[in-house]
Amino acid sequence: MSRVIKFFNTIKNNWKKSVVGAAALSYGVSYANQSYQANLLMTAYCKEAVKYGDEIIPPTRAPRHITIILNPVARKRKAKKLFEKYCEPLFHLAGISVTILQTEKESQARQLIENLNTSTDGILVAGGDGTLLDVVTGLMRKCNGSTFCAQQIPIGILPLGEANRIANSIFGSKHDELPHIRQMIDASMAAVRGITKFIDVVKVEPLEQDEENSIKPIYALSSIELGAWRDADSRKNKYWYWGNLRRYVTYVFNGFKNDLNWNCNATIRYTDPCPGCSKCYQQNQSPGQSDVRWWHVFIPKKITFGQSNQVDYSKVKNDDCDKFKETHVAATELSLVTNNLNNSQSGPPAVKLQVGPESINYIEFVTEGWRRIKGKKKVIENIFEAKEIEFLPDSTEDSNKKENYFSIDNEEFELRPMKIKLIPNAVKIFCP
């Protein structure tokens, strides 16, 4: 008993050191338990991967090969370490040959894909939404926009970035570390198992081109965003010294009209969604087999829009397919969202143009920003469903006004009049 009393007296007399020691012990126990759980999870999946590696390959079939585009600076420069620990071992155990191409600068993934001439059974994106945007853009450019060509090579997502919207929609949203490890392993095993599905792509290009310096189209998978909350969110890394609170203080410090783009007034021209017709069939026709360099699988040129019963849309007429409607919107925010994010689709293929309120005060701005950190979005005044959109922002005569920007899959671009077109089932993606 005397030893127990002495022990508690020691803690009482050295309470500061005791608090620090207890915190360190608690962190150590939590870290050890997390590592143990991660090892158990990895062991179970490794056993499954070995089963694929033990399968006998017929003499007429070559071993599987995948190409991985790795962004080593993603997830605060932890992406490469996480990939080597939780993803790469599964591919080797499954008997899959791996070629790793690391990016060394921004947007280099597009060039890597456009210049890729090696035969491969899949392309895996080890990074975030920005790297995925570059890979899809490079693939569509390589195929000259042909969906027939792009569909021949499946794409996989290894969620190793800070923003992983498409991966979250496919494999479930993961917020803490252990579920994120499970998400990485699930994404790797999706490529090992080889199960795929088709998803939509949105083509974004300027309405007017400069003949001397033309801008190539960008191909997005998740969203296009413009407005006050996007501008504030793009500045969150400036408040790094706030740690995990930086996303919250971003909205507190940036909630002023003269500091953000709260004017998203624009003229919108759009066409209604089409379930499929002869005009859509002609627009989605493959430009020719000469564009196929490293794919050798030939499928019928029939646009099915993901339906189980194939329909020859070349014989279906829809006179309203390409008729544009026009409206003017005044809002603090505009966002365009694809069906890829909600992982479900009912009705004809379409994108949703979400229009925010015309005006909002400081308290509402901060409150809405904090909601979005938790994945909730409430300030939507109107929603348009469309297949093709022409966006013309209101011009300004103020030459001193700063340039405005918008985001495509969380990547920032300079705002200008643009044309947005939905391409249904344009690429094939690995899924659970």
Protein backbone atom coordinates (compact mmCIF):
# COMPACT_ATOMS: atom_id res chain seq x y z
CA MET A 1 0.00 0.00 0.00
CA SER A 2 2.83 2.38 0.79
CA ARG A 3 4.23 1.93 -2.72
CA VAL A 4 0.86 2.81 -4.25
CA ILE A 5 0.59 5.94 -2.12
CA LYS A 6 4.13 6.90 -3.04
CA PHE A 7 3.35 6.40 -6.73
CA PHE A 8 0.33 8.70 -6.65
CA ASN A 9 2.22 11.30 -4.63
CA THR A 10 4.95 11.27 -7.27
CA ILE A 11 2.36 11.85 -9.99
CA LYS A 12 0.79 14.64 -7.96
CA ASN A 13 4.13 16.37 -7.39
CA ASN A 14 5.10 16.04 -11.06
CA TRP A 15 1.72 16.49 -12.73
CA LYS A 16 3.04 18.29 -15.82
CA LYS A 17 5.42 15.47 -16.67
CA SER A 18 2.69 12.98 -15.84
CA VAL A 19 0.28 14.60 -18.31
CA VAL A 20 2.90 14.60 -21.07
CA GLY A 21 3.80 11.00 -20.30
CA ALA A 22 0.16 9.90 -20.33
CA ALA A 23 -0.41 11.62 -23.68
CA ALA A 24 2.69 9.98 -25.17
CA LEU A 25 1.64 6.58 -23.81
CA SER A 26 -1.88 7.00 -25.22
CA TYR A 27 -0.52 7.96 -28.64
CA GLY A 28 1.90 5.02 -28.59
CA VAL A 29 -0.83 2.54 -27.73
CA SER A 30 -3.12 3.97 -30.44
CA TYR A 31 -0.32 3.88 -33.05
CA ALA A 32 0.63 0.31 -32.12
CA ASN A 33 -2.99 -0.85 -32.32
CA GLN A 34 -3.45 0.87 -35.70
CA SER A 35 -0.27 -0.72 -37.06
CA TYR A 36 -1.40 -4.12 -35.80
CA GLN A 37 -4.83 -3.77 -37.43
CA ALA A 38 -3.22 -2.59 -40.70
CA ASN A 39 -0.89 -5.61 -40.70
CA LEU A 40 -3.81 -7.98 -40.16
CA LEU A 41 -5.70 -6.34 -43.01
CA MET A 42 -2.69 -6.46 -45.32
CA THR A 43 -2.05 -10.11 -44.48
CA ALA A 44 -5.61 -11.09 -45.41
CA TYR A 45 -5.45 -9.31 -48.76
CA CYS A 46 -1.98 -10.69 -49.52
CA LYS A 47 -3.37 -14.21 -49.14
CA GLU A 48 -6.08 -13.38 -51.68
CA ALA A 49 -3.55 -11.83 -54.08
CA VAL A 50 -1.39 -14.98 -53.90
CA LYS A 51 -4.33 -17.02 -55.23
CA TYR A 52 -4.29 -14.93 -58.40
CA GLY A 53 -0.52 -15.33 -58.65
CA ASP A 54 -0.79 -19.11 -58.35
CA GLU A 55 -3.21 -19.40 -61.28
CA ILE A 56 -1.81 -21.20 -64.31
CA ILE A 57 -1.53 -18.94 -67.35
CA PRO A 58 -2.41 -20.54 -70.70
CA PRO A 59 0.46 -20.59 -73.25
CA THR A 60 -1.57 -18.36 -75.56
CA ARG A 61 -1.92 -15.58 -72.98
CA ALA A 62 0.83 -13.26 -71.79
CA PRO A 63 1.18 -12.34 -68.09
CA ARG A 64 -0.77 -9.26 -67.04
CA HIS A 65 1.00 -5.92 -67.11
CA ILE A 66 -0.10 -2.60 -65.64
CA THR A 67 1.39 0.87 -65.90
CA ILE A 68 1.31 3.05 -62.80
CA ILE A 69 1.46 6.85 -62.94
CA LEU A 70 2.79 7.84 -59.52
CA ASN A 71 2.71 11.38 -58.16
CA PRO A 72 5.34 11.19 -55.39
CA VAL A 73 4.48 14.62 -53.92
CA ALA A 74 0.82 13.76 -53.36
CA ARG A 75 -0.53 13.49 -49.81
CA LYS A 76 2.25 15.70 -48.41
CA ARG A 77 4.96 13.64 -50.12
CA LYS A 78 3.77 10.41 -48.50
CA ALA A 79 2.27 8.92 -51.68
CA LYS A 80 5.33 6.93 -52.77
CA LYS A 81 5.87 5.42 -49.32
CA LEU A 82 2.18 4.47 -49.00
CA PHE A 83 2.17 2.96 -52.49
CA GLU A 84 5.24 0.83 -51.81
CA LYS A 85 3.83 -0.38 -48.48
CA TYR A 86 0.16 -1.08 -49.25
CA CYS A 87 -0.30 -1.29 -53.03
CA GLU A 88 2.78 -2.56 -54.85
CA PRO A 89 3.17 -5.84 -52.87
CA LEU A 90 -0.34 -6.95 -53.89
CA PHE A 91 0.48 -6.61 -57.60
CA HIS A 92 3.69 -8.64 -57.29
CA LEU A 93 1.95 -11.37 -55.26
CA ALA A 94 -0.77 -11.53 -57.92
CA GLY A 95 1.85 -12.14 -60.63
CA ILE A 96 1.25 -8.81 -62.35
CA SER A 97 4.15 -7.06 -64.06
CA VAL A 98 4.38 -3.42 -62.99
CA THR A 99 5.89 -0.41 -64.74
CA ILE A 100 6.07 2.71 -62.56
CA LEU A 101 6.28 6.17 -64.16
CA GLN A 102 6.82 8.97 -61.66
CA THR A 103 5.79 12.54 -62.40
CA GLU A 104 8.37 15.22 -61.75
CA LYS A 105 6.36 18.34 -62.52
CA GLU A 106 2.78 19.56 -62.75
CA SER A 107 0.67 18.15 -65.60
CA GLN A 108 3.46 15.78 -66.67
CA ALA A 109 1.06 12.83 -66.41
CA ARG A 110 -0.70 14.05 -69.56
CA GLN A 111 2.54 13.88 -71.53
CA LEU A 112 3.41 10.46 -70.13
CA ILE A 113 0.10 9.02 -71.30
CA GLU A 114 0.14 10.77 -74.69
CA ASN A 115 3.64 9.40 -75.36
CA LEU A 116 2.96 5.92 -73.98
CA ASN A 117 3.31 3.28 -76.70
CA THR A 118 3.94 0.21 -74.54
CA SER A 119 1.27 -2.47 -74.49
CA THR A 120 -0.44 -2.57 -71.08
CA ASP A 121 -3.53 -4.13 -69.51
CA GLY A 122 -4.34 -1.13 -67.35
CA ILE A 123 -3.25 2.28 -66.16
CA LEU A 124 -3.33 2.97 -62.42
CA VAL A 125 -3.26 6.51 -61.09
CA ALA A 126 -1.38 6.71 -57.78
CA GLY A 127 -2.34 10.21 -56.67
CA GLY A 128 -5.33 12.49 -56.19
CA ASP A 129 -8.00 14.01 -58.41
CA GLY A 130 -5.46 16.27 -60.13
CA THR A 131 -3.31 13.35 -61.29
CA LEU A 132 -6.43 11.46 -62.38
CA LEU A 133 -7.55 14.49 -64.41
CA ASP A 134 -4.19 14.58 -66.19
CA VAL A 135 -4.24 10.84 -66.97
CA VAL A 136 -7.79 10.89 -68.38
CA THR A 137 -7.01 14.05 -70.36
CA GLY A 138 -3.85 12.47 -71.77
CA LEU A 139 -5.71 9.28 -72.71
CA MET A 140 -8.56 11.13 -74.46
CA ARG A 141 -6.10 13.35 -76.31
CA LYS A 142 -4.09 10.31 -77.37
CA CYS A 143 -7.29 8.85 -78.78
CA ASN A 144 -8.30 12.18 -80.39
CA GLY A 145 -11.47 12.15 -78.28
CA SER A 146 -12.56 8.72 -79.53
CA THR A 147 -14.46 6.77 -76.87
CA PHE A 148 -13.95 3.56 -78.83
CA CYS A 149 -10.21 3.96 -78.45
CA ALA A 150 -10.25 5.16 -74.82
CA GLN A 151 -12.50 2.31 -73.65
CA GLN A 152 -9.94 -0.34 -74.61
CA ILE A 153 -7.62 0.36 -71.69
CA PRO A 154 -9.07 0.39 -68.14
CA ILE A 155 -8.00 3.01 -65.60
CA GLY A 156 -7.57 2.39 -61.90
CA ILE A 157 -7.45 4.85 -59.01
CA LEU A 158 -5.10 4.41 -56.06
CA PRO A 159 -6.34 7.17 -53.71
CA LEU A 160 -3.05 8.67 -52.54
CA GLY A 161 -3.90 12.36 -52.82
CA GLU A 162 -5.57 14.87 -50.53
CA ALA A 163 -8.68 15.08 -52.73
CA ASN A 164 -10.07 11.72 -53.96
CA ARG A 165 -13.69 12.38 -54.93
CA ILE A 166 -13.99 9.71 -57.59
CA ALA A 167 -12.22 7.13 -55.43
CA ASN A 168 -14.50 7.98 -52.51
CA SER A 169 -17.57 7.49 -54.69
CA ILE A 170 -16.32 4.08 -55.85
CA PHE A 171 -14.69 2.67 -52.72
CA GLY A 172 -16.47 4.68 -50.03
CA SER A 173 -15.35 7.81 -48.19
CA LYS A 174 -12.54 7.25 -45.69
CA HIS A 175 -11.62 9.98 -43.21
CA ASP A 176 -9.23 8.43 -40.66
CA GLU A 177 -6.00 6.57 -41.34
CA LEU A 178 -6.97 2.90 -41.04
CA PRO A 179 -10.05 3.14 -43.32
CA HIS A 180 -7.87 5.09 -45.77
CA ILE A 181 -5.43 2.16 -45.76
CA ARG A 182 -8.37 -0.15 -46.43
CA GLN A 183 -9.41 2.12 -49.31
CA MET A 184 -5.92 1.93 -50.88
CA ILE A 185 -5.88 -1.86 -50.56
CA ASP A 186 -9.41 -2.19 -51.98
CA ALA A 187 -8.43 -0.02 -54.94
CA SER A 188 -5.35 -2.18 -55.58
CA MET A 189 -7.34 -5.41 -55.38
CA ALA A 190 -9.93 -3.99 -57.80
CA ALA A 191 -7.17 -3.90 -60.42
CA VAL A 192 -6.00 -7.40 -59.45
CA ARG A 193 -9.52 -8.82 -59.77
CA GLY A 194 -10.01 -6.99 -63.09
CA ILE A 195 -13.66 -5.98 -62.59
CA THR A 196 -14.53 -2.82 -64.55
CA LYS A 197 -17.37 -0.47 -65.37
CA PHE A 198 -17.85 2.53 -67.66
CA ILE A 199 -18.06 6.10 -66.37
CA ASP A 200 -18.80 9.44 -68.00
CA VAL A 201 -16.30 12.11 -69.00
CA VAL A 202 -16.88 15.85 -69.42
CA LYS A 203 -15.00 17.62 -72.20
CA VAL A 204 -14.09 21.25 -71.42
CA GLU A 205 -12.68 23.60 -74.06
CA PRO A 206 -12.72 27.35 -74.83
CA LEU A 207 -15.53 28.68 -77.01
CA GLU A 208 -13.05 30.78 -78.97
CA GLN A 209 -9.59 29.58 -79.95
CA ASP A 210 -6.48 31.58 -80.69
CA GLU A 211 -5.20 30.36 -84.05
CA GLU A 212 -1.56 30.88 -83.05
CA ASN A 213 -1.87 29.34 -79.59
CA SER A 214 -4.78 26.92 -79.50
CA ILE A 215 -5.82 25.37 -76.18
CA LYS A 216 -6.41 21.63 -76.08
CA PRO A 217 -9.52 20.32 -74.31
CA ILE A 218 -9.50 19.11 -70.72
CA TYR A 219 -11.43 15.97 -69.75
CA ALA A 220 -12.97 15.90 -66.26
CA LEU A 221 -14.58 13.12 -64.23
CA SER A 222 -16.14 14.72 -61.15
CA SER A 223 -16.92 18.47 -61.05
CA ILE A 224 -16.37 21.97 -62.32
CA GLU A 225 -16.62 24.73 -59.70
CA LEU A 226 -16.68 28.52 -59.74
CA GLY A 227 -17.43 30.98 -56.96
CA ALA A 228 -16.76 32.19 -53.43
CA TRP A 229 -16.41 28.84 -51.65
CA ARG A 230 -14.12 27.46 -54.32
CA ASP A 231 -11.90 30.54 -54.08
CA ALA A 232 -11.72 30.25 -50.30
CA ASP A 233 -10.99 26.52 -50.36
CA SER A 234 -8.13 27.05 -52.85
CA ARG A 235 -6.38 29.23 -50.23
CA LYS A 236 -6.51 26.78 -47.32
CA ASN A 237 -2.85 25.78 -47.64
CA LYS A 238 -1.83 29.36 -46.85
CA TYR A 239 -3.03 28.71 -43.31
CA TRP A 240 -0.90 25.60 -42.80
CA TYR A 241 0.23 26.84 -39.38
CA TRP A 242 -3.32 26.25 -38.09
CA GLY A 243 -2.86 22.51 -38.62
CA ASN A 244 -6.12 20.57 -38.93
CA LEU A 245 -8.10 23.78 -38.34
CA ARG A 246 -6.84 25.48 -41.51
CA ARG A 247 -9.92 24.55 -43.56
CA TYR A 248 -12.18 26.14 -40.95
CA VAL A 249 -10.22 29.37 -40.51
CA THR A 250 -10.01 29.75 -44.30
CA TYR A 251 -13.70 30.63 -44.45
CA VAL A 252 -13.43 32.89 -41.40
CA PHE A 253 -10.56 34.94 -42.84
CA ASN A 254 -11.76 35.01 -46.45
CA GLY A 255 -15.46 35.73 -46.02
CA PHE A 256 -15.37 39.21 -47.51
CA LYS A 257 -16.94 40.22 -50.82
CA ASN A 258 -13.99 42.35 -51.95
CA ASP A 259 -11.60 39.45 -51.40
CA LEU A 260 -13.40 36.66 -53.28
CA ASN A 261 -15.26 36.14 -56.54
CA TRP A 262 -18.85 36.42 -55.37
CA ASN A 263 -20.10 37.38 -58.83
CA CYS A 264 -20.72 34.34 -61.00
CA ASN A 265 -23.21 36.03 -63.30
CA ALA A 266 -23.25 34.41 -66.70
CA THR A 267 -25.31 33.49 -69.73
CA ILE A 268 -25.88 29.76 -69.97
CA ARG A 269 -26.79 28.00 -73.21
CA TYR A 270 -27.59 24.30 -72.78
CA THR A 271 -29.21 21.30 -74.40
CA ASP A 272 -31.50 18.88 -72.59
CA PRO A 273 -30.32 15.33 -71.84
CA CYS A 274 -30.88 12.83 -74.62
CA PRO A 275 -31.52 9.10 -74.01
CA GLY A 276 -29.81 8.33 -77.33
CA CYS A 277 -30.47 9.07 -80.98
CA SER A 278 -28.84 9.14 -84.40
CA LYS A 279 -27.19 12.52 -83.71
CA CYS A 280 -25.56 11.22 -80.53
CA TYR A 281 -24.48 8.11 -82.43
CA GLN A 282 -22.71 10.19 -85.09
CA GLN A 283 -21.02 12.40 -82.48
CA ASN A 284 -19.64 9.37 -80.64
CA GLN A 285 -18.46 7.50 -83.71
CA SER A 286 -14.87 6.35 -83.66
CA PRO A 287 -12.66 8.45 -86.01
CA GLY A 288 -11.06 5.30 -87.40
CA GLN A 289 -8.97 2.31 -86.45
CA SER A 290 -5.75 4.08 -87.52
CA ASP A 291 -5.78 5.95 -84.18
CA VAL A 292 -5.43 2.73 -82.20
CA ARG A 293 -1.73 2.19 -81.44
CA TRP A 294 -1.54 -0.26 -78.58
CA TRP A 295 -5.01 -1.69 -78.22
CA HIS A 296 -6.01 -4.68 -80.29
CA VAL A 297 -9.51 -5.43 -79.08
CA PHE A 298 -12.25 -4.65 -81.53
CA ILE A 299 -15.85 -4.17 -80.47
CA PRO A 300 -18.97 -3.16 -82.46
CA LYS A 301 -19.39 0.58 -82.87
CA LYS A 302 -22.67 0.82 -81.06
CA ILE A 303 -23.54 3.48 -78.48
CA THR A 304 -25.48 1.84 -75.64
CA PHE A 305 -25.21 4.43 -72.81
CA GLY A 306 -24.66 1.61 -70.32
CA GLN A 307 -28.03 -0.08 -70.86
CA SER A 308 -28.29 -3.84 -70.65
CA ASN A 309 -30.35 -4.17 -73.85
CA GLN A 310 -28.31 -2.83 -76.72
CA VAL A 311 -30.13 -0.43 -79.00
CA ASP A 312 -29.01 0.76 -82.41
CA TYR A 313 -29.28 4.51 -81.80
CA SER A 314 -28.28 5.26 -85.39
CA LYS A 315 -31.95 4.64 -86.28
CA VAL A 316 -33.51 6.69 -83.43
CA LYS A 317 -34.62 10.25 -84.23
CA ASN A 318 -34.71 13.11 -81.74
CA ASP A 319 -35.11 16.57 -83.31
CA ASP A 320 -34.55 18.32 -79.95
CA CYS A 321 -31.23 16.60 -79.28
CA ASP A 322 -28.99 19.54 -80.24
CA LYS A 323 -31.39 22.47 -79.69
CA PHE A 324 -29.95 25.00 -77.26
CA LYS A 325 -31.92 26.81 -74.58
CA GLU A 326 -30.64 30.06 -73.10
CA THR A 327 -30.88 31.56 -69.62
CA HIS A 328 -29.06 34.13 -67.51
CA VAL A 329 -27.99 33.34 -63.94
CA ALA A 330 -26.85 35.64 -61.14
CA ALA A 331 -25.22 33.69 -58.32
CA THR A 332 -22.39 33.56 -55.81
CA GLU A 333 -21.49 30.08 -57.01
CA LEU A 334 -21.87 27.76 -59.99
CA SER A 335 -20.91 24.10 -59.97
CA LEU A 336 -21.29 21.32 -62.49
CA VAL A 337 -21.41 17.77 -61.12
CA THR A 338 -21.32 14.46 -62.98
CA ASN A 339 -23.18 11.28 -62.07
CA ASN A 340 -19.80 9.69 -61.30
CA LEU A 341 -19.85 11.25 -57.83
CA ASN A 342 -23.13 9.76 -56.66
CA ASN A 343 -22.29 6.42 -58.31
CA SER A 344 -25.83 6.07 -59.64
CA GLN A 345 -27.77 7.24 -62.65
CA SER A 346 -31.45 7.24 -63.50
CA GLY A 347 -32.72 8.52 -66.81
CA PRO A 348 -30.62 9.68 -69.75
CA PRO A 349 -26.96 10.66 -69.26
CA ALA A 350 -26.63 14.21 -67.94
CA VAL A 351 -24.58 16.62 -65.89
CA LYS A 352 -26.13 18.75 -63.16
CA LEU A 353 -25.49 22.49 -63.16
CA GLN A 354 -26.06 23.71 -59.60
CA VAL A 355 -26.75 27.43 -59.18
CA GLY A 356 -26.07 29.05 -55.81
CA PRO A 357 -27.94 32.02 -54.25
CA GLU A 358 -27.64 35.48 -55.77
CA SER A 359 -26.36 36.98 -52.50
CA ILE A 360 -25.21 35.73 -49.12
CA ASN A 361 -23.92 37.39 -45.96
CA TYR A 362 -20.72 36.70 -44.00
CA ILE A 363 -22.28 34.40 -41.39
CA GLU A 364 -24.04 32.32 -44.06
CA PHE A 365 -20.78 32.10 -46.02
CA VAL A 366 -18.79 30.77 -43.06
CA THR A 367 -21.58 28.40 -41.97
CA GLU A 368 -21.91 26.93 -45.45
CA GLY A 369 -18.13 26.56 -45.74
CA TRP A 370 -18.01 24.56 -42.51
CA ARG A 371 -20.86 22.37 -43.74
CA ARG A 372 -18.91 21.51 -46.88
CA ILE A 373 -15.93 20.37 -44.86
CA LYS A 374 -18.26 17.64 -43.55
CA GLY A 375 -19.46 16.83 -47.08
CA LYS A 376 -22.76 18.70 -46.87
CA LYS A 377 -23.95 21.33 -49.35
CA LYS A 378 -27.17 23.26 -48.85
CA VAL A 379 -27.08 26.59 -50.67
CA ILE A 380 -28.44 25.52 -54.06
CA GLU A 381 -31.14 27.71 -55.61
CA ASN A 382 -31.62 25.90 -58.91
CA ILE A 383 -30.44 22.82 -60.80
CA PHE A 384 -30.25 22.35 -64.58
CA GLU A 385 -29.71 18.96 -66.19
CA ALA A 386 -27.94 19.16 -69.50
CA LYS A 387 -25.93 17.24 -72.07
CA GLU A 388 -23.98 20.17 -73.50
CA ILE A 389 -23.39 23.64 -72.03
CA GLU A 390 -21.97 26.89 -73.35
CA PHE A 391 -20.85 29.13 -70.49
CA LEU A 392 -20.40 32.87 -71.13
CA PRO A 393 -19.44 34.85 -67.98
CA ASP A 394 -20.54 38.49 -67.90
CA SER A 395 -17.76 40.76 -69.16
CA THR A 396 -16.41 43.57 -67.03
CA GLU A 397 -15.02 46.94 -68.02
CA ASP A 398 -12.88 47.20 -64.89
CA SER A 399 -9.35 46.66 -66.19
CA ASN A 400 -7.95 46.67 -62.66
CA LYS A 401 -10.05 43.70 -61.59
CA LYS A 402 -8.03 40.58 -60.86
CA GLU A 403 -8.36 37.54 -63.06
CA ASN A 404 -10.94 34.99 -61.96
CA TYR A 405 -10.32 31.27 -61.76
CA PHE A 406 -12.38 28.10 -61.64
CA SER A 407 -11.61 24.48 -60.81
CA ILE A 408 -11.85 21.32 -62.89
CA ASP A 409 -11.56 18.29 -60.61
CA ASN A 410 -9.83 20.49 -58.00
CA GLU A 411 -7.28 21.80 -60.52
CA GLU A 412 -7.28 25.58 -61.08
CA PHE A 413 -7.71 27.20 -64.51
CA GLU A 414 -8.24 30.75 -65.73
CA LEU A 415 -11.90 31.58 -66.26
CA ARG A 416 -13.06 32.24 -69.83
CA PRO A 417 -16.07 31.46 -72.04
CA MET A 418 -16.11 27.71 -72.49
CA LYS A 419 -17.97 24.79 -73.96
CA ILE A 420 -18.76 21.79 -71.78
CA LYS A 421 -19.89 18.52 -73.30
CA LEU A 422 -20.85 15.24 -71.64
CA ILE A 423 -19.38 12.08 -73.18
CA PRO A 424 -21.27 9.09 -71.71
CA ASN A 425 -19.36 5.92 -70.84
CA ALA A 426 -16.16 7.32 -72.28
CA VAL A 427 -13.63 5.41 -70.16
CA LYS A 428 -13.46 2.07 -68.38
CA ILE A 429 -12.50 2.06 -64.71
CA PHE A 430 -11.57 -0.65 -62.19
CA CYS A 431 -14.20 -1.03 -59.45
CA PRO A 432 -15.04 -3.43 -56.55
